[in-house]
Amino acid sequence: MLRKLILLLLSILIVSVLLVPSQSDYFQRLEYDFRAIHQSNALNRELLEELGDYTYRNRLLFSEFEYSFGNISVSYYGFLNIIMFEDPINREVKSPQITV
């Protein structure tokens, strides 16, 4: 019984590790979300990679992806090939203070 339980847990762990979303999966989702919001085909995946800054972190059972373009940043989390969106973060551009 214990042996079957260990095999089941090990197989679930292996499947979880293999189904962690890759960087290309995140760019596919980013392109889909961009087109859904802006109703435009102007930016494809290659242009999104070139124009913005991104960070991809692969943890053992899940992965994280953050993309920023200008003052807008979006974050995604993935687990078992499911990509979840985190609320966008608007960064305020701070101008230097000038005293006269």
PDB file of N, CA and C in Angstrom:
ATOM      1  N   MET A   1       0.824  -1.199   0.000  1.00  0.00           N
ATOM      2  CA  MET A   1       0.000   0.000   0.000  1.00  0.00           C
ATOM      3  C   MET A   1       0.865   1.258   0.000  1.00  0.00           C
ATOM      4  N   LEU A   2       1.868   1.266   0.849  1.00  0.00           N
ATOM      5  CA  LEU A   2       2.770   2.411   0.923  1.00  0.00           C
ATOM      6  C   LEU A   2       3.535   2.582  -0.384  1.00  0.00           C
ATOM      7  N   ARG A   3       3.881   1.472  -0.984  1.00  0.00           N
ATOM      8  CA  ARG A   3       4.610   1.509  -2.248  1.00  0.00           C
ATOM      9  C   ARG A   3       3.749   2.143  -3.351  1.00  0.00           C
ATOM     10  N   LYS A   4       2.480   1.794  -3.404  1.00  0.00           N
ATOM     11  CA  LYS A   4       1.571   2.369  -4.397  1.00  0.00           C
ATOM     12  C   LYS A   4       1.378   3.862  -4.166  1.00  0.00           C
ATOM     13  N   LEU A   5       1.299   4.249  -2.917  1.00  0.00           N
ATOM     14  CA  LEU A   5       1.146   5.662  -2.584  1.00  0.00           C
ATOM     15  C   LEU A   5       2.375   6.459  -3.006  1.00  0.00           C
ATOM     16  N   ILE A   6       3.555   5.918  -2.761  1.00  0.00           N
ATOM     17  CA  ILE A   6       4.798   6.586  -3.160  1.00  0.00           C
ATOM     18  C   ILE A   6       4.876   6.689  -4.678  1.00  0.00           C
ATOM     19  N   LEU A   7       4.512   5.635  -5.388  1.00  0.00           N
ATOM     20  CA  LEU A   7       4.509   5.677  -6.852  1.00  0.00           C
ATOM     21  C   LEU A   7       3.504   6.693  -7.383  1.00  0.00           C
ATOM     22  N   LEU A   8       2.359   6.778  -6.765  1.00  0.00           N
ATOM     23  CA  LEU A   8       1.350   7.756  -7.172  1.00  0.00           C
ATOM     24  C   LEU A   8       1.857   9.182  -6.957  1.00  0.00           C
ATOM     25  N   LEU A   9       2.417   9.446  -5.796  1.00  0.00           N
ATOM     26  CA  LEU A   9       2.945  10.780  -5.508  1.00  0.00           C
ATOM     27  C   LEU A   9       4.107  11.130  -6.429  1.00  0.00           C
ATOM     28  N   LEU A  10       4.964  10.173  -6.700  1.00  0.00           N
ATOM     29  CA  LEU A  10       6.088  10.404  -7.594  1.00  0.00           C
ATOM     30  C   LEU A  10       5.609  10.688  -9.017  1.00  0.00           C
ATOM     31  N   SER A  11       4.616   9.962  -9.468  1.00  0.00           N
ATOM     32  CA  SER A  11       4.089  10.210 -10.813  1.00  0.00           C
ATOM     33  C   SER A  11       3.399  11.572 -10.898  1.00  0.00           C
ATOM     34  N   ILE A  12       2.692  11.973  -9.863  1.00  0.00           N
ATOM     35  CA  ILE A  12       2.073  13.301  -9.842  1.00  0.00           C
ATOM     36  C   ILE A  12       3.140  14.386  -9.865  1.00  0.00           C
ATOM     37  N   LEU A  13       4.210  14.197  -9.135  1.00  0.00           N
ATOM     38  CA  LEU A  13       5.311  15.161  -9.118  1.00  0.00           C
ATOM     39  C   LEU A  13       5.964  15.266 -10.487  1.00  0.00           C
ATOM     40  N   ILE A  14       6.198  14.154 -11.129  1.00  0.00           N
ATOM     41  CA  ILE A  14       6.821  14.166 -12.457  1.00  0.00           C
ATOM     42  C   ILE A  14       5.923  14.868 -13.468  1.00  0.00           C
ATOM     43  N   VAL A  15       4.646  14.587 -13.441  1.00  0.00           N
ATOM     44  CA  VAL A  15       3.704  15.249 -14.353  1.00  0.00           C
ATOM     45  C   VAL A  15       3.662  16.748 -14.079  1.00  0.00           C
ATOM     46  N   SER A  16       3.684  17.138 -12.817  1.00  0.00           N
ATOM     47  CA  SER A  16       3.668  18.564 -12.461  1.00  0.00           C
ATOM     48  C   SER A  16       4.901  19.276 -12.986  1.00  0.00           C
ATOM     49  N   VAL A  17       6.055  18.648 -12.863  1.00  0.00           N
ATOM     50  CA  VAL A  17       7.301  19.256 -13.337  1.00  0.00           C
ATOM     51  C   VAL A  17       7.297  19.359 -14.858  1.00  0.00           C
ATOM     52  N   LEU A  18       6.804  18.348 -15.536  1.00  0.00           N
ATOM     53  CA  LEU A  18       6.802  18.358 -16.997  1.00  0.00           C
ATOM     54  C   LEU A  18       5.796  19.340 -17.588  1.00  0.00           C
ATOM     55  N   LEU A  19       4.751  19.661 -16.859  1.00  0.00           N
ATOM     56  CA  LEU A  19       3.714  20.550 -17.385  1.00  0.00           C
ATOM     57  C   LEU A  19       3.866  22.005 -16.953  1.00  0.00           C
ATOM     58  N   VAL A  20       5.009  22.372 -16.405  1.00  0.00           N
ATOM     59  CA  VAL A  20       5.247  23.773 -16.047  1.00  0.00           C
ATOM     60  C   VAL A  20       5.333  24.584 -17.342  1.00  0.00           C
ATOM     61  N   PRO A  21       4.582  25.690 -17.459  1.00  0.00           N
ATOM     62  CA  PRO A  21       4.604  26.489 -18.688  1.00  0.00           C
ATOM     63  C   PRO A  21       5.998  27.036 -18.997  1.00  0.00           C
ATOM     64  N   SER A  22       6.346  27.033 -20.275  1.00  0.00           N
ATOM     65  CA  SER A  22       7.643  27.539 -20.711  1.00  0.00           C
ATOM     66  C   SER A  22       7.533  29.023 -21.062  1.00  0.00           C
ATOM     67  N   GLN A  23       8.674  29.615 -21.374  1.00  0.00           N
ATOM     68  CA  GLN A  23       8.706  31.032 -21.726  1.00  0.00           C
ATOM     69  C   GLN A  23       7.885  31.293 -22.991  1.00  0.00           C
ATOM     70  N   SER A  24       7.952  30.400 -23.949  1.00  0.00           N
ATOM     71  CA  SER A  24       7.173  30.590 -25.182  1.00  0.00           C
ATOM     72  C   SER A  24       5.670  30.510 -24.911  1.00  0.00           C
ATOM     73  N   ASP A  25       5.260  29.691 -23.946  1.00  0.00           N
ATOM     74  CA  ASP A  25       3.842  29.638 -23.571  1.00  0.00           C
ATOM     75  C   ASP A  25       3.374  30.980 -23.020  1.00  0.00           C
ATOM     76  N   TYR A  26       4.227  31.619 -22.225  1.00  0.00           N
ATOM     77  CA  TYR A  26       3.870  32.922 -21.662  1.00  0.00           C
ATOM     78  C   TYR A  26       3.778  33.989 -22.750  1.00  0.00           C
ATOM     79  N   PHE A  27       4.694  33.969 -23.712  1.00  0.00           N
ATOM     80  CA  PHE A  27       4.615  34.950 -24.791  1.00  0.00           C
ATOM     81  C   PHE A  27       3.378  34.719 -25.654  1.00  0.00           C
ATOM     82  N   GLN A  28       2.991  33.474 -25.817  1.00  0.00           N
ATOM     83  CA  GLN A  28       1.762  33.177 -26.543  1.00  0.00           C
ATOM     84  C   GLN A  28       0.555  33.772 -25.821  1.00  0.00           C
ATOM     85  N   ARG A  29       0.516  33.623 -24.519  1.00  0.00           N
ATOM     86  CA  ARG A  29      -0.583  34.181 -23.716  1.00  0.00           C
ATOM     87  C   ARG A  29      -0.547  35.708 -23.737  1.00  0.00           C
ATOM     88  N   LEU A  30       0.656  36.289 -23.663  1.00  0.00           N
ATOM     89  CA  LEU A  30       0.802  37.743 -23.701  1.00  0.00           C
ATOM     90  C   LEU A  30       0.297  38.299 -25.029  1.00  0.00           C
ATOM     91  N   GLU A  31       0.641  37.641 -26.114  1.00  0.00           N
ATOM     92  CA  GLU A  31       0.172  38.073 -27.430  1.00  0.00           C
ATOM     93  C   GLU A  31      -1.352  37.969 -27.526  1.00  0.00           C
ATOM     94  N   TYR A  32      -1.909  36.890 -27.016  1.00  0.00           N
ATOM     95  CA  TYR A  32      -3.367  36.706 -27.023  1.00  0.00           C
ATOM     96  C   TYR A  32      -4.052  37.805 -26.209  1.00  0.00           C
ATOM     97  N   ASP A  33      -3.526  38.097 -25.010  1.00  0.00           N
ATOM     98  CA  ASP A  33      -4.116  39.138 -24.166  1.00  0.00           C
ATOM     99  C   ASP A  33      -3.990  40.509 -24.808  1.00  0.00           C
ATOM    100  N   PHE A  34      -2.849  40.790 -25.439  1.00  0.00           N
ATOM    101  CA  PHE A  34      -2.660  42.081 -26.100  1.00  0.00           C
ATOM    102  C   PHE A  34      -3.679  42.265 -27.220  1.00  0.00           C
ATOM    103  N   ARG A  35      -3.868  41.226 -28.010  1.00  0.00           N
ATOM    104  CA  ARG A  35      -4.836  41.324 -29.111  1.00  0.00           C
ATOM    105  C   ARG A  35      -6.265  41.438 -28.598  1.00  0.00           C
ATOM    106  N   ALA A  36      -6.571  40.789 -27.495  1.00  0.00           N
ATOM    107  CA  ALA A  36      -7.923  40.856 -26.940  1.00  0.00           C
ATOM    108  C   ALA A  36      -8.229  42.246 -26.395  1.00  0.00           C
ATOM    109  N   ILE A  37      -7.239  42.887 -25.804  1.00  0.00           N
ATOM    110  CA  ILE A  37      -7.457  44.207 -25.207  1.00  0.00           C
ATOM    111  C   ILE A  37      -7.431  45.304 -26.262  1.00  0.00           C
ATOM    112  N   HIS A  38      -6.439  45.269 -27.147  1.00  0.00           N
ATOM    113  CA  HIS A  38      -6.238  46.368 -28.091  1.00  0.00           C
ATOM    114  C   HIS A  38      -6.872  46.131 -29.455  1.00  0.00           C
ATOM    115  N   GLN A  39      -7.420  44.959 -29.699  1.00  0.00           N
ATOM    116  CA  GLN A  39      -8.066  44.649 -30.972  1.00  0.00           C
ATOM    117  C   GLN A  39      -7.147  44.965 -32.149  1.00  0.00           C
ATOM    118  N   SER A  40      -5.876  44.601 -32.006  1.00  0.00           N
ATOM    119  CA  SER A  40      -4.897  44.950 -33.025  1.00  0.00           C
ATOM    120  C   SER A  40      -3.976  43.765 -33.285  1.00  0.00           C
ATOM    121  N   ASN A  41      -3.547  43.646 -34.523  1.00  0.00           N
ATOM    122  CA  ASN A  41      -2.568  42.627 -34.885  1.00  0.00           C
ATOM    123  C   ASN A  41      -1.204  43.255 -35.128  1.00  0.00           C
ATOM    124  N   ALA A  42      -1.001  44.477 -34.637  1.00  0.00           N
ATOM    125  CA  ALA A  42       0.223  45.213 -34.916  1.00  0.00           C
ATOM    126  C   ALA A  42       1.446  44.576 -34.266  1.00  0.00           C
ATOM    127  N   LEU A  43       1.289  44.013 -33.093  1.00  0.00           N
ATOM    128  CA  LEU A  43       2.428  43.414 -32.400  1.00  0.00           C
ATOM    129  C   LEU A  43       2.273  41.902 -32.350  1.00  0.00           C
ATOM    130  N   ASN A  44       3.272  41.221 -32.856  1.00  0.00           N
ATOM    131  CA  ASN A  44       3.274  39.773 -32.734  1.00  0.00           C
ATOM    132  C   ASN A  44       4.266  39.373 -31.643  1.00  0.00           C
ATOM    133  N   ARG A  45       4.447  38.103 -31.479  1.00  0.00           N
ATOM    134  CA  ARG A  45       5.281  37.588 -30.391  1.00  0.00           C
ATOM    135  C   ARG A  45       6.731  38.076 -30.496  1.00  0.00           C
ATOM    136  N   GLU A  46       7.285  38.079 -31.692  1.00  0.00           N
ATOM    137  CA  GLU A  46       8.673  38.494 -31.878  1.00  0.00           C
ATOM    138  C   GLU A  46       8.864  39.966 -31.508  1.00  0.00           C
ATOM    139  N   LEU A  47       7.916  40.806 -31.906  1.00  0.00           N
ATOM    140  CA  LEU A  47       8.009  42.228 -31.562  1.00  0.00           C
ATOM    141  C   LEU A  47       7.843  42.455 -30.065  1.00  0.00           C
ATOM    142  N   LEU A  48       6.961  41.691 -29.430  1.00  0.00           N
ATOM    143  CA  LEU A  48       6.803  41.816 -27.983  1.00  0.00           C
ATOM    144  C   LEU A  48       8.097  41.451 -27.262  1.00  0.00           C
ATOM    145  N   GLU A  49       8.799  40.438 -27.757  1.00  0.00           N
ATOM    146  CA  GLU A  49      10.076  40.052 -27.154  1.00  0.00           C
ATOM    147  C   GLU A  49      11.114  41.151 -27.319  1.00  0.00           C
ATOM    148  N   GLU A  50      11.148  41.778 -28.501  1.00  0.00           N
ATOM    149  CA  GLU A  50      12.145  42.808 -28.774  1.00  0.00           C
ATOM    150  C   GLU A  50      11.864  44.108 -28.026  1.00  0.00           C
ATOM    151  N   LEU A  51      10.607  44.509 -27.942  1.00  0.00           N
ATOM    152  CA  LEU A  51      10.271  45.825 -27.411  1.00  0.00           C
ATOM    153  C   LEU A  51      10.254  45.897 -25.890  1.00  0.00           C
ATOM    154  N   GLY A  52       9.879  44.842 -25.236  1.00  0.00           N
ATOM    155  CA  GLY A  52       9.726  44.896 -23.783  1.00  0.00           C
ATOM    156  C   GLY A  52      10.829  44.169 -23.043  1.00  0.00           C
ATOM    157  N   ASP A  53      10.841  44.375 -21.744  1.00  0.00           N
ATOM    158  CA  ASP A  53      11.747  43.653 -20.853  1.00  0.00           C
ATOM    159  C   ASP A  53      10.939  42.565 -20.163  1.00  0.00           C
ATOM    160  N   TYR A  54      11.529  41.405 -20.030  1.00  0.00           N
ATOM    161  CA  TYR A  54      10.798  40.308 -19.405  1.00  0.00           C
ATOM    162  C   TYR A  54      11.713  39.485 -18.517  1.00  0.00           C
ATOM    163  N   THR A  55      11.084  38.841 -17.557  1.00  0.00           N
ATOM    164  CA  THR A  55      11.781  37.950 -16.633  1.00  0.00           C
ATOM    165  C   THR A  55      10.983  36.662 -16.547  1.00  0.00           C
ATOM    166  N   TYR A  56      11.672  35.563 -16.765  1.00  0.00           N
ATOM    167  CA  TYR A  56      11.050  34.238 -16.663  1.00  0.00           C
ATOM    168  C   TYR A  56      11.780  33.460 -15.578  1.00  0.00           C
ATOM    169  N   ARG A  57      11.029  32.990 -14.601  1.00  0.00           N
ATOM    170  CA  ARG A  57      11.609  32.192 -13.515  1.00  0.00           C
ATOM    171  C   ARG A  57      10.912  30.843 -13.492  1.00  0.00           C
ATOM    172  N   ASN A  58      11.705  29.801 -13.604  1.00  0.00           N
ATOM    173  CA  ASN A  58      11.157  28.452 -13.569  1.00  0.00           C
ATOM    174  C   ASN A  58      11.453  27.845 -12.212  1.00  0.00           C
ATOM    175  N   ARG A  59      10.425  27.707 -11.419  1.00  0.00           N
ATOM    176  CA  ARG A  59      10.537  27.001 -10.146  1.00  0.00           C
ATOM    177  C   ARG A  59      10.246  25.538 -10.435  1.00  0.00           C
ATOM    178  N   LEU A  60      10.401  24.703  -9.466  1.00  0.00           N
ATOM    179  CA  LEU A  60      10.238  23.272  -9.718  1.00  0.00           C
ATOM    180  C   LEU A  60       8.821  22.905 -10.150  1.00  0.00           C
ATOM    181  N   LEU A  61       7.826  23.393  -9.442  1.00  0.00           N
ATOM    182  CA  LEU A  61       6.445  23.010  -9.733  1.00  0.00           C
ATOM    183  C   LEU A  61       5.626  24.105 -10.404  1.00  0.00           C
ATOM    184  N   PHE A  62       6.140  25.310 -10.468  1.00  0.00           N
ATOM    185  CA  PHE A  62       5.427  26.404 -11.126  1.00  0.00           C
ATOM    186  C   PHE A  62       6.449  27.349 -11.733  1.00  0.00           C
ATOM    187  N   SER A  63       5.983  28.286 -12.531  1.00  0.00           N
ATOM    188  CA  SER A  63       6.870  29.275 -13.128  1.00  0.00           C
ATOM    189  C   SER A  63       6.215  30.647 -13.059  1.00  0.00           C
ATOM    190  N   GLU A  64       7.065  31.673 -13.156  1.00  0.00           N
ATOM    191  CA  GLU A  64       6.602  33.059 -13.098  1.00  0.00           C
ATOM    192  C   GLU A  64       7.117  33.794 -14.326  1.00  0.00           C
ATOM    193  N   PHE A  65       6.343  34.744 -14.803  1.00  0.00           N
ATOM    194  CA  PHE A  65       6.730  35.538 -15.959  1.00  0.00           C
ATOM    195  C   PHE A  65       6.269  36.965 -15.728  1.00  0.00           C
ATOM    196  N   GLU A  66       7.179  37.900 -15.900  1.00  0.00           N
ATOM    197  CA  GLU A  66       6.838  39.316 -15.769  1.00  0.00           C
ATOM    198  C   GLU A  66       7.316  40.031 -17.018  1.00  0.00           C
ATOM    199  N   TYR A  67       6.453  40.861 -17.580  1.00  0.00           N
ATOM    200  CA  TYR A  67       6.754  41.593 -18.802  1.00  0.00           C
ATOM    201  C   TYR A  67       6.461  43.061 -18.562  1.00  0.00           C
ATOM    202  N   SER A  68       7.390  43.912 -18.963  1.00  0.00           N
ATOM    203  CA  SER A  68       7.153  45.347 -18.830  1.00  0.00           C
ATOM    204  C   SER A  68       7.475  46.031 -20.150  1.00  0.00           C
ATOM    205  N   PHE A  69       6.628  46.979 -20.480  1.00  0.00           N
ATOM    206  CA  PHE A  69       6.762  47.759 -21.704  1.00  0.00           C
ATOM    207  C   PHE A  69       6.356  49.178 -21.356  1.00  0.00           C
ATOM    208  N   GLY A  70       7.316  50.082 -21.328  1.00  0.00           N
ATOM    209  CA  GLY A  70       7.029  51.447 -20.902  1.00  0.00           C
ATOM    210  C   GLY A  70       6.718  51.475 -19.422  1.00  0.00           C
ATOM    211  N   ASN A  71       5.583  52.062 -19.061  1.00  0.00           N
ATOM    212  CA  ASN A  71       5.225  52.138 -17.640  1.00  0.00           C
ATOM    213  C   ASN A  71       4.186  51.083 -17.245  1.00  0.00           C
ATOM    214  N   ILE A  72       3.940  50.111 -18.106  1.00  0.00           N
ATOM    215  CA  ILE A  72       2.972  49.056 -17.808  1.00  0.00           C
ATOM    216  C   ILE A  72       3.705  47.735 -17.630  1.00  0.00           C
ATOM    217  N   SER A  73       3.322  47.033 -16.593  1.00  0.00           N
ATOM    218  CA  SER A  73       3.934  45.739 -16.309  1.00  0.00           C
ATOM    219  C   SER A  73       2.834  44.723 -16.026  1.00  0.00           C
ATOM    220  N   VAL A  74       2.996  43.516 -16.547  1.00  0.00           N
ATOM    221  CA  VAL A  74       2.043  42.438 -16.281  1.00  0.00           C
ATOM    222  C   VAL A  74       2.795  41.228 -15.751  1.00  0.00           C
ATOM    223  N   SER A  75       2.111  40.474 -14.916  1.00  0.00           N
ATOM    224  CA  SER A  75       2.707  39.273 -14.334  1.00  0.00           C
ATOM    225  C   SER A  75       1.782  38.084 -14.546  1.00  0.00           C
ATOM    226  N   TYR A  76       2.397  36.956 -14.807  1.00  0.00           N
ATOM    227  CA  TYR A  76       1.673  35.705 -14.985  1.00  0.00           C
ATOM    228  C   TYR A  76       2.327  34.641 -14.115  1.00  0.00           C
ATOM    229  N   TYR A  77       1.521  33.710 -13.668  1.00  0.00           N
ATOM    230  CA  TYR A  77       2.002  32.545 -12.934  1.00  0.00           C
ATOM    231  C   TYR A  77       1.461  31.310 -13.624  1.00  0.00           C
ATOM    232  N   GLY A  78       2.265  30.260 -13.666  1.00  0.00           N
ATOM    233  CA  GLY A  78       1.828  29.044 -14.332  1.00  0.00           C
ATOM    234  C   GLY A  78       2.053  27.808 -13.499  1.00  0.00           C
ATOM    235  N   PHE A  79       1.086  26.909 -13.576  1.00  0.00           N
ATOM    236  CA  PHE A  79       1.138  25.647 -12.854  1.00  0.00           C
ATOM    237  C   PHE A  79       0.322  24.635 -13.642  1.00  0.00           C
ATOM    238  N   LEU A  80       0.878  23.455 -13.895  1.00  0.00           N
ATOM    239  CA  LEU A  80       0.200  22.396 -14.650  1.00  0.00           C
ATOM    240  C   LEU A  80      -0.320  22.900 -15.993  1.00  0.00           C
ATOM    241  N   ASN A  81       0.501  23.641 -16.693  1.00  0.00           N
ATOM    242  CA  ASN A  81       0.201  24.179 -18.017  1.00  0.00           C
ATOM    243  C   ASN A  81      -0.987  25.135 -18.021  1.00  0.00           C
ATOM    244  N   ILE A  82      -1.326  25.674 -16.863  1.00  0.00           N
ATOM    245  CA  ILE A  82      -2.369  26.691 -16.726  1.00  0.00           C
ATOM    246  C   ILE A  82      -1.672  28.005 -16.394  1.00  0.00           C
ATOM    247  N   ILE A  83      -1.935  29.028 -17.183  1.00  0.00           N
ATOM    248  CA  ILE A  83      -1.303  30.330 -16.964  1.00  0.00           C
ATOM    249  C   ILE A  83      -2.340  31.273 -16.381  1.00  0.00           C
ATOM    250  N   MET A  84      -2.007  31.835 -15.220  1.00  0.00           N
ATOM    251  CA  MET A  84      -2.916  32.750 -14.529  1.00  0.00           C
ATOM    252  C   MET A  84      -2.343  34.163 -14.581  1.00  0.00           C
ATOM    253  N   PHE A  85      -3.225  35.121 -14.734  1.00  0.00           N
ATOM    254  CA  PHE A  85      -2.848  36.526 -14.856  1.00  0.00           C
ATOM    255  C   PHE A  85      -2.929  37.208 -13.507  1.00  0.00           C
ATOM    256  N   GLU A  86      -1.911  38.001 -13.194  1.00  0.00           N
ATOM    257  CA  GLU A  86      -1.961  38.830 -11.991  1.00  0.00           C
ATOM    258  C   GLU A  86      -2.278  40.252 -12.431  1.00  0.00           C
ATOM    259  N   ASP A  87      -2.967  41.007 -11.598  1.00  0.00           N
ATOM    260  CA  ASP A  87      -3.373  42.368 -11.953  1.00  0.00           C
ATOM    261  C   ASP A  87      -2.183  43.196 -12.420  1.00  0.00           C
ATOM    262  N   PRO A  88      -2.407  44.080 -13.424  1.00  0.00           N
ATOM    263  CA  PRO A  88      -1.315  44.904 -13.941  1.00  0.00           C
ATOM    264  C   PRO A  88      -0.827  45.917 -12.911  1.00  0.00           C
ATOM    265  N   ILE A  89       0.421  46.258 -13.054  1.00  0.00           N
ATOM    266  CA  ILE A  89       1.048  47.229 -12.166  1.00  0.00           C
ATOM    267  C   ILE A  89       1.411  48.445 -13.010  1.00  0.00           C
ATOM    268  N   ASN A  90       0.876  49.597 -12.667  1.00  0.00           N
ATOM    269  CA  ASN A  90       1.241  50.830 -13.363  1.00  0.00           C
ATOM    270  C   ASN A  90       2.356  51.515 -12.600  1.00  0.00           C
ATOM    271  N   ARG A  91       3.442  51.730 -13.281  1.00  0.00           N
ATOM    272  CA  ARG A  91       4.572  52.406 -12.659  1.00  0.00           C
ATOM    273  C   ARG A  91       4.503  53.886 -12.988  1.00  0.00           C
ATOM    274  N   GLU A  92       4.646  54.703 -11.978  1.00  0.00           N
ATOM    275  CA  GLU A  92       4.641  56.138 -12.203  1.00  0.00           C
ATOM    276  C   GLU A  92       6.044  56.578 -12.589  1.00  0.00           C
ATOM    277  N   VAL A  93       6.098  57.384 -13.625  1.00  0.00           N
ATOM    278  CA  VAL A  93       7.382  57.920 -14.047  1.00  0.00           C
ATOM    279  C   VAL A  93       7.683  59.118 -13.166  1.00  0.00           C
ATOM    280  N   LYS A  94       8.771  59.027 -12.421  1.00  0.00           N
ATOM    281  CA  LYS A  94       9.136  60.109 -11.515  1.00  0.00           C
ATOM    282  C   LYS A  94      10.131  61.025 -12.210  1.00  0.00           C
ATOM    283  N   SER A  95       9.782  62.288 -12.241  1.00  0.00           N
ATOM    284  CA  SER A  95      10.702  63.250 -12.834  1.00  0.00           C
ATOM    285  C   SER A  95      11.594  63.811 -11.734  1.00  0.00           C
ATOM    286  N   PRO A  96      12.816  64.143 -12.079  1.00  0.00           N
ATOM    287  CA  PRO A  96      13.721  64.684 -11.056  1.00  0.00           C
ATOM    288  C   PRO A  96      13.227  66.045 -10.565  1.00  0.00           C
ATOM    289  N   GLN A  97      13.423  66.292  -9.289  1.00  0.00           N
ATOM    290  CA  GLN A  97      13.007  67.574  -8.727  1.00  0.00           C
ATOM    291  C   GLN A  97      14.093  68.612  -8.994  1.00  0.00           C
ATOM    292  N   ILE A  98      13.647  69.741  -9.460  1.00  0.00           N
ATOM    293  CA  ILE A  98      14.577  70.827  -9.756  1.00  0.00           C
ATOM    294  C   ILE A  98      14.227  71.992  -8.846  1.00  0.00           C
ATOM    295  N   THR A  99      15.190  72.429  -8.084  1.00  0.00           N
ATOM    296  CA  THR A  99      14.975  73.586  -7.209  1.00  0.00           C
ATOM    297  C   THR A  99      15.675  74.786  -7.812  1.00  0.00           C
ATOM    298  N   VAL A 100      14.991  75.908  -7.762  1.00  0.00           N
ATOM    299  CA  VAL A 100      15.538  77.131  -8.346  1.00  0.00           C
ATOM    300  C   VAL A 100      15.786  78.135  -7.261  1.00  0.00           C
TER     301      VAL A 100
END
